[in-house]
Protein backbone atom coordinates (compact mmCIF):
# COMPACT_ATOMS: atom_id res chain seq x y z
CA UNK A 1 0.00 0.00 0.00
CA UNK A 2 1.75 3.14 -1.19
CA UNK A 3 -1.07 5.60 -0.47
CA UNK A 4 -1.94 6.57 3.11
CA UNK A 5 -5.06 4.82 4.39
CA UNK A 6 -7.92 6.85 5.84
CA UNK A 7 -11.05 5.55 7.56
CA UNK A 8 -14.45 7.23 7.52
CA UNK A 9 -16.87 6.18 10.26
CA UNK A 10 -20.16 7.64 9.13
CA UNK A 11 -23.62 7.18 7.73
CA UNK A 12 -24.47 6.23 4.17
CA UNK A 13 -26.26 8.97 2.22
CA UNK A 14 -28.35 7.43 -0.55
CA UNK A 15 -28.21 10.70 -2.51
CA UNK A 16 -24.40 10.62 -2.52
CA UNK A 17 -24.12 14.21 -1.34
CA UNK A 18 -22.71 13.55 2.13
CA UNK A 19 -21.73 10.72 4.44
CA UNK A 20 -19.34 7.97 3.49
CA UNK A 21 -19.93 8.54 -0.20
CA UNK A 22 -18.65 12.14 0.00
CA UNK A 23 -15.88 11.22 2.45
CA UNK A 24 -14.54 8.49 0.16
CA UNK A 25 -14.58 10.81 -2.88
CA UNK A 26 -12.65 13.41 -0.85
CA UNK A 27 -10.11 10.86 0.36
CA UNK A 28 -9.49 9.65 -3.19
CA UNK A 29 -9.18 13.23 -4.49
CA UNK A 30 -6.55 13.92 -1.81
CA UNK A 31 -4.55 10.82 -2.70
CA UNK A 32 -5.58 8.59 0.19
CA UNK A 33 -6.93 5.07 0.05
CA UNK A 34 -10.38 5.38 1.61
CA UNK A 35 -11.97 2.76 3.84
CA UNK A 36 -15.25 2.91 5.73
CA UNK A 37 -17.34 1.77 8.67
CA UNK A 38 -21.04 2.46 8.14
CA UNK A 39 -22.96 3.66 11.22
CA UNK A 40 -26.38 4.32 9.66
CA UNK A 41 -28.17 3.91 6.39
CA UNK A 42 -30.31 6.84 5.34
CA UNK A 43 -32.94 7.25 2.66
CA UNK A 44 -32.59 10.79 1.35
CA UNK A 45 -32.50 12.99 -1.70
CA UNK A 46 -32.36 16.73 -2.35
CA UNK A 47 -35.80 17.11 -0.78
CA UNK A 48 -34.82 15.65 2.60
CA UNK A 49 -34.28 12.58 4.75
CA UNK A 50 -37.14 10.08 4.76
CA UNK A 51 -35.64 7.27 6.85
CA UNK A 52 -32.68 6.51 9.12
CA UNK A 53 -31.66 2.97 10.07
CA UNK A 54 -28.80 2.76 12.59
CA UNK A 55 -26.35 -0.11 12.32
CA UNK A 56 -26.04 -2.11 15.57
CA UNK A 57 -23.06 -0.78 17.58
CA UNK A 58 -21.33 -4.20 17.61
CA UNK A 59 -21.45 -4.23 13.80
CA UNK A 60 -19.92 -0.74 13.65
CA UNK A 61 -17.03 -1.94 15.83
CA UNK A 62 -16.63 -5.07 13.72
CA UNK A 63 -16.19 -2.89 10.62
CA UNK A 64 -13.62 -0.64 12.35
CA UNK A 65 -11.69 -3.66 13.60
CA UNK A 66 -11.74 -5.38 10.20
CA UNK A 67 -10.36 -2.27 8.49
CA UNK A 68 -7.72 -1.67 11.17
CA UNK A 69 -6.69 -5.36 11.11
CA UNK A 70 -6.27 -5.30 7.33
CA UNK A 71 -4.87 -1.83 6.65
CA UNK A 72 -2.36 0.59 8.21
CA UNK A 73 -4.93 3.30 8.98
CA UNK A 74 -3.17 6.67 9.33
CA UNK A 75 -6.20 8.92 9.89
CA UNK A 76 -9.90 8.63 10.67
CA UNK A 77 -12.93 10.87 10.37
CA UNK A 78 -16.33 10.51 11.97
CA UNK A 79 -19.59 11.72 10.51
CA UNK A 80 -23.15 10.71 11.36
CA UNK A 81 -23.06 8.51 14.47
CA UNK A 82 -26.76 8.85 15.41
CA UNK A 83 -26.86 7.42 18.94
CA UNK A 84 -25.05 7.55 22.26
CA UNK A 85 -24.36 3.81 21.97
CA UNK A 86 -22.66 4.23 18.58
CA UNK A 87 -20.63 7.23 19.79
CA UNK A 88 -19.51 5.23 22.81
CA UNK A 89 -18.30 2.20 20.83
CA UNK A 90 -16.62 4.39 18.23
CA UNK A 91 -14.75 6.31 20.95
CA UNK A 92 -13.66 3.04 22.53
CA UNK A 93 -12.47 1.66 19.18
CA UNK A 94 -10.60 4.88 18.36
CA UNK A 95 -8.76 4.66 21.69
CA UNK A 96 -8.12 0.92 21.46
CA UNK A 97 -6.83 1.21 17.88
CA UNK A 98 -4.70 4.31 18.62
CA UNK A 99 -6.29 6.42 15.90
CA UNK A 100 -4.65 9.71 16.91
CA UNK A 101 -5.26 11.64 13.68
CA UNK A 102 -9.01 11.85 14.26
CA UNK A 103 -11.33 14.41 12.68
CA UNK A 104 -14.73 14.62 14.37
CA UNK A 105 -17.61 16.08 12.41
CA UNK A 106 -20.38 16.24 15.04
CA UNK A 107 -23.23 15.59 12.61
CA UNK A 108 -26.49 16.47 14.35
CA UNK A 109 -28.92 17.53 11.62
CA UNK A 110 -29.19 17.48 7.84
CA UNK A 111 -29.27 20.70 5.84
CA UNK A 112 -33.00 20.02 5.40
CA UNK A 113 -33.39 20.15 9.18
CA UNK A 114 -33.92 16.41 9.71
CA UNK A 115 -32.39 15.11 12.95
CA UNK A 116 -29.38 12.86 12.38
CA UNK A 117 -28.50 12.49 16.07
CA UNK A 118 -30.74 11.40 18.89
CA UNK A 119 -31.06 14.30 21.37
CA UNK A 120 -29.82 12.09 24.21
CA UNK A 121 -26.55 11.60 22.29
CA UNK A 122 -25.53 15.28 22.07
CA UNK A 123 -23.56 15.18 25.30
CA UNK A 124 -21.76 11.99 24.21
CA UNK A 125 -19.76 13.98 21.66
CA UNK A 126 -18.47 16.25 24.41
CA UNK A 127 -17.86 13.46 26.92
CA UNK A 128 -16.40 10.72 24.76
CA UNK A 129 -15.39 11.65 21.23
CA UNK A 130 -14.29 15.29 21.02
CA UNK A 131 -11.58 14.73 23.67
CA UNK A 132 -9.98 12.22 21.25
CA UNK A 133 -10.07 14.54 18.23
CA UNK A 134 -7.20 16.37 16.58
CA UNK A 135 -9.76 18.53 14.72
CA UNK A 136 -13.51 19.12 14.97
CA UNK A 137 -15.53 20.41 12.01
CA UNK A 138 -18.96 21.55 13.21
CA UNK A 139 -21.25 23.63 11.05
CA UNK A 140 -22.87 26.74 12.50
CA UNK A 141 -25.89 24.89 13.92
CA UNK A 142 -23.72 22.19 15.50
CA UNK A 143 -21.39 24.81 16.99
CA UNK A 144 -24.39 26.65 18.42
CA UNK A 145 -25.60 23.42 20.07
CA UNK A 146 -22.14 22.66 21.47
CA UNK A 147 -21.83 26.20 22.89
CA UNK A 148 -25.46 26.84 23.81
CA UNK A 149 -25.56 30.14 21.89
CA UNK A 150 -26.74 31.39 18.51
CA UNK A 151 -24.26 32.30 15.78
CA UNK A 152 -25.69 35.08 13.65
CA UNK A 153 -22.81 36.75 11.79
CA UNK A 154 -19.15 36.42 10.82
CA UNK A 155 -17.92 38.01 14.04
CA UNK A 156 -19.97 35.59 16.13
CA UNK A 157 -18.73 32.68 13.98
CA UNK A 158 -15.08 33.59 14.58
CA UNK A 159 -15.74 33.96 18.31
CA UNK A 160 -17.57 30.62 18.35
CA UNK A 161 -14.62 28.83 16.72
CA UNK A 162 -12.28 30.32 19.33
CA UNK A 163 -14.69 29.37 22.14
CA UNK A 164 -14.92 25.78 20.89
CA UNK A 165 -11.13 25.54 20.66
CA UNK A 166 -10.78 26.78 24.25
CA UNK A 167 -13.64 24.64 25.57
CA UNK A 168 -12.36 21.39 24.08
CA UNK A 169 -8.64 22.04 23.67
CA UNK A 170 -8.79 21.06 20.01
CA UNK A 171 -8.37 22.68 16.60
CA UNK A 172 -11.65 23.81 15.03
CA UNK A 173 -12.74 24.24 11.42
CA UNK A 174 -16.12 25.95 11.68
CA UNK A 175 -18.20 25.45 8.55
CA UNK A 176 -20.24 28.55 7.86
CA UNK A 177 -21.85 27.86 4.51
CA UNK A 178 -25.31 28.84 5.74
CA UNK A 179 -24.20 32.16 7.25
CA UNK A 180 -25.81 35.15 5.51
CA UNK A 181 -23.28 37.02 3.39
C-alpha atoms as a PDB file:
ATOM      1  CA  UNK A   1       0.000   0.000   0.000  1.00  0.00           C
ATOM      2  CA  UNK A   2       1.747   3.145  -1.193  1.00  0.00           C
ATOM      3  CA  UNK A   3      -1.073   5.600  -0.467  1.00  0.00           C
ATOM      4  CA  UNK A   4      -1.942   6.573   3.111  1.00  0.00           C
ATOM      5  CA  UNK A   5      -5.064   4.819   4.393  1.00  0.00           C
ATOM      6  CA  UNK A   6      -7.917   6.850   5.845  1.00  0.00           C
ATOM      7  CA  UNK A   7     -11.053   5.549   7.555  1.00  0.00           C
ATOM      8  CA  UNK A   8     -14.448   7.233   7.519  1.00  0.00           C
ATOM      9  CA  UNK A   9     -16.866   6.178  10.260  1.00  0.00           C
ATOM     10  CA  UNK A  10     -20.161   7.638   9.131  1.00  0.00           C
ATOM     11  CA  UNK A  11     -23.621   7.175   7.728  1.00  0.00           C
ATOM     12  CA  UNK A  12     -24.465   6.229   4.167  1.00  0.00           C
ATOM     13  CA  UNK A  13     -26.258   8.972   2.219  1.00  0.00           C
ATOM     14  CA  UNK A  14     -28.350   7.428  -0.552  1.00  0.00           C
ATOM     15  CA  UNK A  15     -28.209  10.699  -2.508  1.00  0.00           C
ATOM     16  CA  UNK A  16     -24.402  10.618  -2.517  1.00  0.00           C
ATOM     17  CA  UNK A  17     -24.117  14.211  -1.341  1.00  0.00           C
ATOM     18  CA  UNK A  18     -22.713  13.549   2.129  1.00  0.00           C
ATOM     19  CA  UNK A  19     -21.731  10.719   4.443  1.00  0.00           C
ATOM     20  CA  UNK A  20     -19.338   7.972   3.494  1.00  0.00           C
ATOM     21  CA  UNK A  21     -19.925   8.544  -0.195  1.00  0.00           C
ATOM     22  CA  UNK A  22     -18.654  12.142   0.004  1.00  0.00           C
ATOM     23  CA  UNK A  23     -15.876  11.215   2.446  1.00  0.00           C
ATOM     24  CA  UNK A  24     -14.540   8.487   0.157  1.00  0.00           C
ATOM     25  CA  UNK A  25     -14.583  10.812  -2.877  1.00  0.00           C
ATOM     26  CA  UNK A  26     -12.653  13.405  -0.852  1.00  0.00           C
ATOM     27  CA  UNK A  27     -10.115  10.856   0.360  1.00  0.00           C
ATOM     28  CA  UNK A  28      -9.486   9.647  -3.187  1.00  0.00           C
ATOM     29  CA  UNK A  29      -9.182  13.231  -4.486  1.00  0.00           C
ATOM     30  CA  UNK A  30      -6.554  13.923  -1.809  1.00  0.00           C
ATOM     31  CA  UNK A  31      -4.551  10.822  -2.704  1.00  0.00           C
ATOM     32  CA  UNK A  32      -5.578   8.590   0.189  1.00  0.00           C
ATOM     33  CA  UNK A  33      -6.929   5.066   0.051  1.00  0.00           C
ATOM     34  CA  UNK A  34     -10.381   5.381   1.614  1.00  0.00           C
ATOM     35  CA  UNK A  35     -11.969   2.762   3.840  1.00  0.00           C
ATOM     36  CA  UNK A  36     -15.253   2.911   5.729  1.00  0.00           C
ATOM     37  CA  UNK A  37     -17.343   1.768   8.668  1.00  0.00           C
ATOM     38  CA  UNK A  38     -21.040   2.457   8.145  1.00  0.00           C
ATOM     39  CA  UNK A  39     -22.963   3.665  11.216  1.00  0.00           C
ATOM     40  CA  UNK A  40     -26.385   4.318   9.665  1.00  0.00           C
ATOM     41  CA  UNK A  41     -28.174   3.908   6.391  1.00  0.00           C
ATOM     42  CA  UNK A  42     -30.306   6.842   5.336  1.00  0.00           C
ATOM     43  CA  UNK A  43     -32.936   7.251   2.664  1.00  0.00           C
ATOM     44  CA  UNK A  44     -32.595  10.789   1.347  1.00  0.00           C
ATOM     45  CA  UNK A  45     -32.504  12.990  -1.700  1.00  0.00           C
ATOM     46  CA  UNK A  46     -32.357  16.727  -2.345  1.00  0.00           C
ATOM     47  CA  UNK A  47     -35.797  17.107  -0.776  1.00  0.00           C
ATOM     48  CA  UNK A  48     -34.817  15.653   2.597  1.00  0.00           C
ATOM     49  CA  UNK A  49     -34.283  12.578   4.751  1.00  0.00           C
ATOM     50  CA  UNK A  50     -37.142  10.077   4.763  1.00  0.00           C
ATOM     51  CA  UNK A  51     -35.640   7.265   6.852  1.00  0.00           C
ATOM     52  CA  UNK A  52     -32.677   6.506   9.120  1.00  0.00           C
ATOM     53  CA  UNK A  53     -31.658   2.966  10.075  1.00  0.00           C
ATOM     54  CA  UNK A  54     -28.802   2.760  12.593  1.00  0.00           C
ATOM     55  CA  UNK A  55     -26.349  -0.111  12.323  1.00  0.00           C
ATOM     56  CA  UNK A  56     -26.042  -2.107  15.569  1.00  0.00           C
ATOM     57  CA  UNK A  57     -23.056  -0.779  17.584  1.00  0.00           C
ATOM     58  CA  UNK A  58     -21.335  -4.200  17.609  1.00  0.00           C
ATOM     59  CA  UNK A  59     -21.446  -4.233  13.800  1.00  0.00           C
ATOM     60  CA  UNK A  60     -19.921  -0.740  13.650  1.00  0.00           C
ATOM     61  CA  UNK A  61     -17.029  -1.937  15.834  1.00  0.00           C
ATOM     62  CA  UNK A  62     -16.631  -5.069  13.719  1.00  0.00           C
ATOM     63  CA  UNK A  63     -16.186  -2.892  10.622  1.00  0.00           C
ATOM     64  CA  UNK A  64     -13.622  -0.643  12.348  1.00  0.00           C
ATOM     65  CA  UNK A  65     -11.692  -3.661  13.603  1.00  0.00           C
ATOM     66  CA  UNK A  66     -11.745  -5.380  10.201  1.00  0.00           C
ATOM     67  CA  UNK A  67     -10.361  -2.272   8.495  1.00  0.00           C
ATOM     68  CA  UNK A  68      -7.718  -1.675  11.174  1.00  0.00           C
ATOM     69  CA  UNK A  69      -6.690  -5.360  11.107  1.00  0.00           C
ATOM     70  CA  UNK A  70      -6.274  -5.295   7.334  1.00  0.00           C
ATOM     71  CA  UNK A  71      -4.866  -1.831   6.653  1.00  0.00           C
ATOM     72  CA  UNK A  72      -2.357   0.594   8.210  1.00  0.00           C
ATOM     73  CA  UNK A  73      -4.929   3.303   8.980  1.00  0.00           C
ATOM     74  CA  UNK A  74      -3.173   6.672   9.330  1.00  0.00           C
ATOM     75  CA  UNK A  75      -6.197   8.918   9.891  1.00  0.00           C
ATOM     76  CA  UNK A  76      -9.904   8.632  10.670  1.00  0.00           C
ATOM     77  CA  UNK A  77     -12.935  10.868  10.370  1.00  0.00           C
ATOM     78  CA  UNK A  78     -16.333  10.509  11.966  1.00  0.00           C
ATOM     79  CA  UNK A  79     -19.591  11.716  10.514  1.00  0.00           C
ATOM     80  CA  UNK A  80     -23.153  10.712  11.364  1.00  0.00           C
ATOM     81  CA  UNK A  81     -23.063   8.515  14.467  1.00  0.00           C
ATOM     82  CA  UNK A  82     -26.759   8.851  15.410  1.00  0.00           C
ATOM     83  CA  UNK A  83     -26.863   7.424  18.944  1.00  0.00           C
ATOM     84  CA  UNK A  84     -25.051   7.550  22.256  1.00  0.00           C
ATOM     85  CA  UNK A  85     -24.359   3.808  21.969  1.00  0.00           C
ATOM     86  CA  UNK A  86     -22.658   4.227  18.584  1.00  0.00           C
ATOM     87  CA  UNK A  87     -20.630   7.234  19.789  1.00  0.00           C
ATOM     88  CA  UNK A  88     -19.507   5.231  22.809  1.00  0.00           C
ATOM     89  CA  UNK A  89     -18.302   2.201  20.834  1.00  0.00           C
ATOM     90  CA  UNK A  90     -16.618   4.394  18.226  1.00  0.00           C
ATOM     91  CA  UNK A  91     -14.747   6.314  20.946  1.00  0.00           C
ATOM     92  CA  UNK A  92     -13.657   3.039  22.533  1.00  0.00           C
ATOM     93  CA  UNK A  93     -12.474   1.664  19.183  1.00  0.00           C
ATOM     94  CA  UNK A  94     -10.595   4.881  18.364  1.00  0.00           C
ATOM     95  CA  UNK A  95      -8.758   4.660  21.692  1.00  0.00           C
ATOM     96  CA  UNK A  96      -8.119   0.923  21.464  1.00  0.00           C
ATOM     97  CA  UNK A  97      -6.828   1.213  17.885  1.00  0.00           C
ATOM     98  CA  UNK A  98      -4.703   4.306  18.624  1.00  0.00           C
ATOM     99  CA  UNK A  99      -6.295   6.424  15.896  1.00  0.00           C
ATOM    100  CA  UNK A 100      -4.654   9.709  16.913  1.00  0.00           C
ATOM    101  CA  UNK A 101      -5.259  11.640  13.677  1.00  0.00           C
ATOM    102  CA  UNK A 102      -9.007  11.852  14.260  1.00  0.00           C
ATOM    103  CA  UNK A 103     -11.327  14.406  12.678  1.00  0.00           C
ATOM    104  CA  UNK A 104     -14.727  14.620  14.369  1.00  0.00           C
ATOM    105  CA  UNK A 105     -17.609  16.084  12.411  1.00  0.00           C
ATOM    106  CA  UNK A 106     -20.380  16.244  15.042  1.00  0.00           C
ATOM    107  CA  UNK A 107     -23.228  15.592  12.610  1.00  0.00           C
ATOM    108  CA  UNK A 108     -26.489  16.467  14.350  1.00  0.00           C
ATOM    109  CA  UNK A 109     -28.919  17.525  11.622  1.00  0.00           C
ATOM    110  CA  UNK A 110     -29.191  17.481   7.836  1.00  0.00           C
ATOM    111  CA  UNK A 111     -29.271  20.704   5.838  1.00  0.00           C
ATOM    112  CA  UNK A 112     -32.998  20.021   5.397  1.00  0.00           C
ATOM    113  CA  UNK A 113     -33.389  20.150   9.184  1.00  0.00           C
ATOM    114  CA  UNK A 114     -33.924  16.409   9.705  1.00  0.00           C
ATOM    115  CA  UNK A 115     -32.386  15.111  12.952  1.00  0.00           C
ATOM    116  CA  UNK A 116     -29.381  12.865  12.379  1.00  0.00           C
ATOM    117  CA  UNK A 117     -28.501  12.493  16.065  1.00  0.00           C
ATOM    118  CA  UNK A 118     -30.736  11.399  18.892  1.00  0.00           C
ATOM    119  CA  UNK A 119     -31.062  14.296  21.369  1.00  0.00           C
ATOM    120  CA  UNK A 120     -29.818  12.086  24.213  1.00  0.00           C
ATOM    121  CA  UNK A 121     -26.554  11.597  22.287  1.00  0.00           C
ATOM    122  CA  UNK A 122     -25.529  15.275  22.067  1.00  0.00           C
ATOM    123  CA  UNK A 123     -23.556  15.176  25.304  1.00  0.00           C
ATOM    124  CA  UNK A 124     -21.755  11.992  24.207  1.00  0.00           C
ATOM    125  CA  UNK A 125     -19.763  13.981  21.656  1.00  0.00           C
ATOM    126  CA  UNK A 126     -18.466  16.254  24.413  1.00  0.00           C
ATOM    127  CA  UNK A 127     -17.864  13.464  26.924  1.00  0.00           C
ATOM    128  CA  UNK A 128     -16.404  10.716  24.755  1.00  0.00           C
ATOM    129  CA  UNK A 129     -15.387  11.651  21.232  1.00  0.00           C
ATOM    130  CA  UNK A 130     -14.293  15.285  21.015  1.00  0.00           C
ATOM    131  CA  UNK A 131     -11.583  14.729  23.671  1.00  0.00           C
ATOM    132  CA  UNK A 132      -9.985  12.222  21.251  1.00  0.00           C
ATOM    133  CA  UNK A 133     -10.071  14.544  18.232  1.00  0.00           C
ATOM    134  CA  UNK A 134      -7.202  16.370  16.576  1.00  0.00           C
ATOM    135  CA  UNK A 135      -9.762  18.531  14.718  1.00  0.00           C
ATOM    136  CA  UNK A 136     -13.505  19.117  14.966  1.00  0.00           C
ATOM    137  CA  UNK A 137     -15.528  20.409  12.014  1.00  0.00           C
ATOM    138  CA  UNK A 138     -18.959  21.554  13.214  1.00  0.00           C
ATOM    139  CA  UNK A 139     -21.249  23.630  11.047  1.00  0.00           C
ATOM    140  CA  UNK A 140     -22.874  26.739  12.496  1.00  0.00           C
ATOM    141  CA  UNK A 141     -25.892  24.893  13.919  1.00  0.00           C
ATOM    142  CA  UNK A 142     -23.720  22.194  15.498  1.00  0.00           C
ATOM    143  CA  UNK A 143     -21.386  24.815  16.993  1.00  0.00           C
ATOM    144  CA  UNK A 144     -24.390  26.650  18.419  1.00  0.00           C
ATOM    145  CA  UNK A 145     -25.604  23.425  20.072  1.00  0.00           C
ATOM    146  CA  UNK A 146     -22.139  22.663  21.470  1.00  0.00           C
ATOM    147  CA  UNK A 147     -21.830  26.196  22.885  1.00  0.00           C
ATOM    148  CA  UNK A 148     -25.459  26.838  23.808  1.00  0.00           C
ATOM    149  CA  UNK A 149     -25.557  30.141  21.895  1.00  0.00           C
ATOM    150  CA  UNK A 150     -26.743  31.386  18.514  1.00  0.00           C
ATOM    151  CA  UNK A 151     -24.262  32.303  15.781  1.00  0.00           C
ATOM    152  CA  UNK A 152     -25.686  35.082  13.651  1.00  0.00           C
ATOM    153  CA  UNK A 153     -22.812  36.754  11.788  1.00  0.00           C
ATOM    154  CA  UNK A 154     -19.147  36.419  10.818  1.00  0.00           C
ATOM    155  CA  UNK A 155     -17.922  38.015  14.040  1.00  0.00           C
ATOM    156  CA  UNK A 156     -19.968  35.585  16.134  1.00  0.00           C
ATOM    157  CA  UNK A 157     -18.729  32.677  13.981  1.00  0.00           C
ATOM    158  CA  UNK A 158     -15.078  33.587  14.578  1.00  0.00           C
ATOM    159  CA  UNK A 159     -15.738  33.959  18.309  1.00  0.00           C
ATOM    160  CA  UNK A 160     -17.567  30.618  18.347  1.00  0.00           C
ATOM    161  CA  UNK A 161     -14.623  28.831  16.717  1.00  0.00           C
ATOM    162  CA  UNK A 162     -12.285  30.317  19.327  1.00  0.00           C
ATOM    163  CA  UNK A 163     -14.685  29.372  22.145  1.00  0.00           C
ATOM    164  CA  UNK A 164     -14.917  25.777  20.894  1.00  0.00           C
ATOM    165  CA  UNK A 165     -11.129  25.543  20.656  1.00  0.00           C
ATOM    166  CA  UNK A 166     -10.776  26.779  24.245  1.00  0.00           C
ATOM    167  CA  UNK A 167     -13.636  24.640  25.571  1.00  0.00           C
ATOM    168  CA  UNK A 168     -12.365  21.388  24.076  1.00  0.00           C
ATOM    169  CA  UNK A 169      -8.635  22.044  23.674  1.00  0.00           C
ATOM    170  CA  UNK A 170      -8.788  21.057  20.009  1.00  0.00           C
ATOM    171  CA  UNK A 171      -8.373  22.678  16.597  1.00  0.00           C
ATOM    172  CA  UNK A 172     -11.652  23.808  15.027  1.00  0.00           C
ATOM    173  CA  UNK A 173     -12.737  24.238  11.421  1.00  0.00           C
ATOM    174  CA  UNK A 174     -16.116  25.950  11.683  1.00  0.00           C
ATOM    175  CA  UNK A 175     -18.200  25.450   8.553  1.00  0.00           C
ATOM    176  CA  UNK A 176     -20.241  28.554   7.857  1.00  0.00           C
ATOM    177  CA  UNK A 177     -21.853  27.856   4.514  1.00  0.00           C
ATOM    178  CA  UNK A 178     -25.305  28.839   5.745  1.00  0.00           C
ATOM    179  CA  UNK A 179     -24.204  32.163   7.252  1.00  0.00           C
ATOM    180  CA  UNK A 180     -25.810  35.146   5.507  1.00  0.00           C
ATOM    181  CA  UNK A 181     -23.277  37.023   3.394  1.00  0.00           C
END
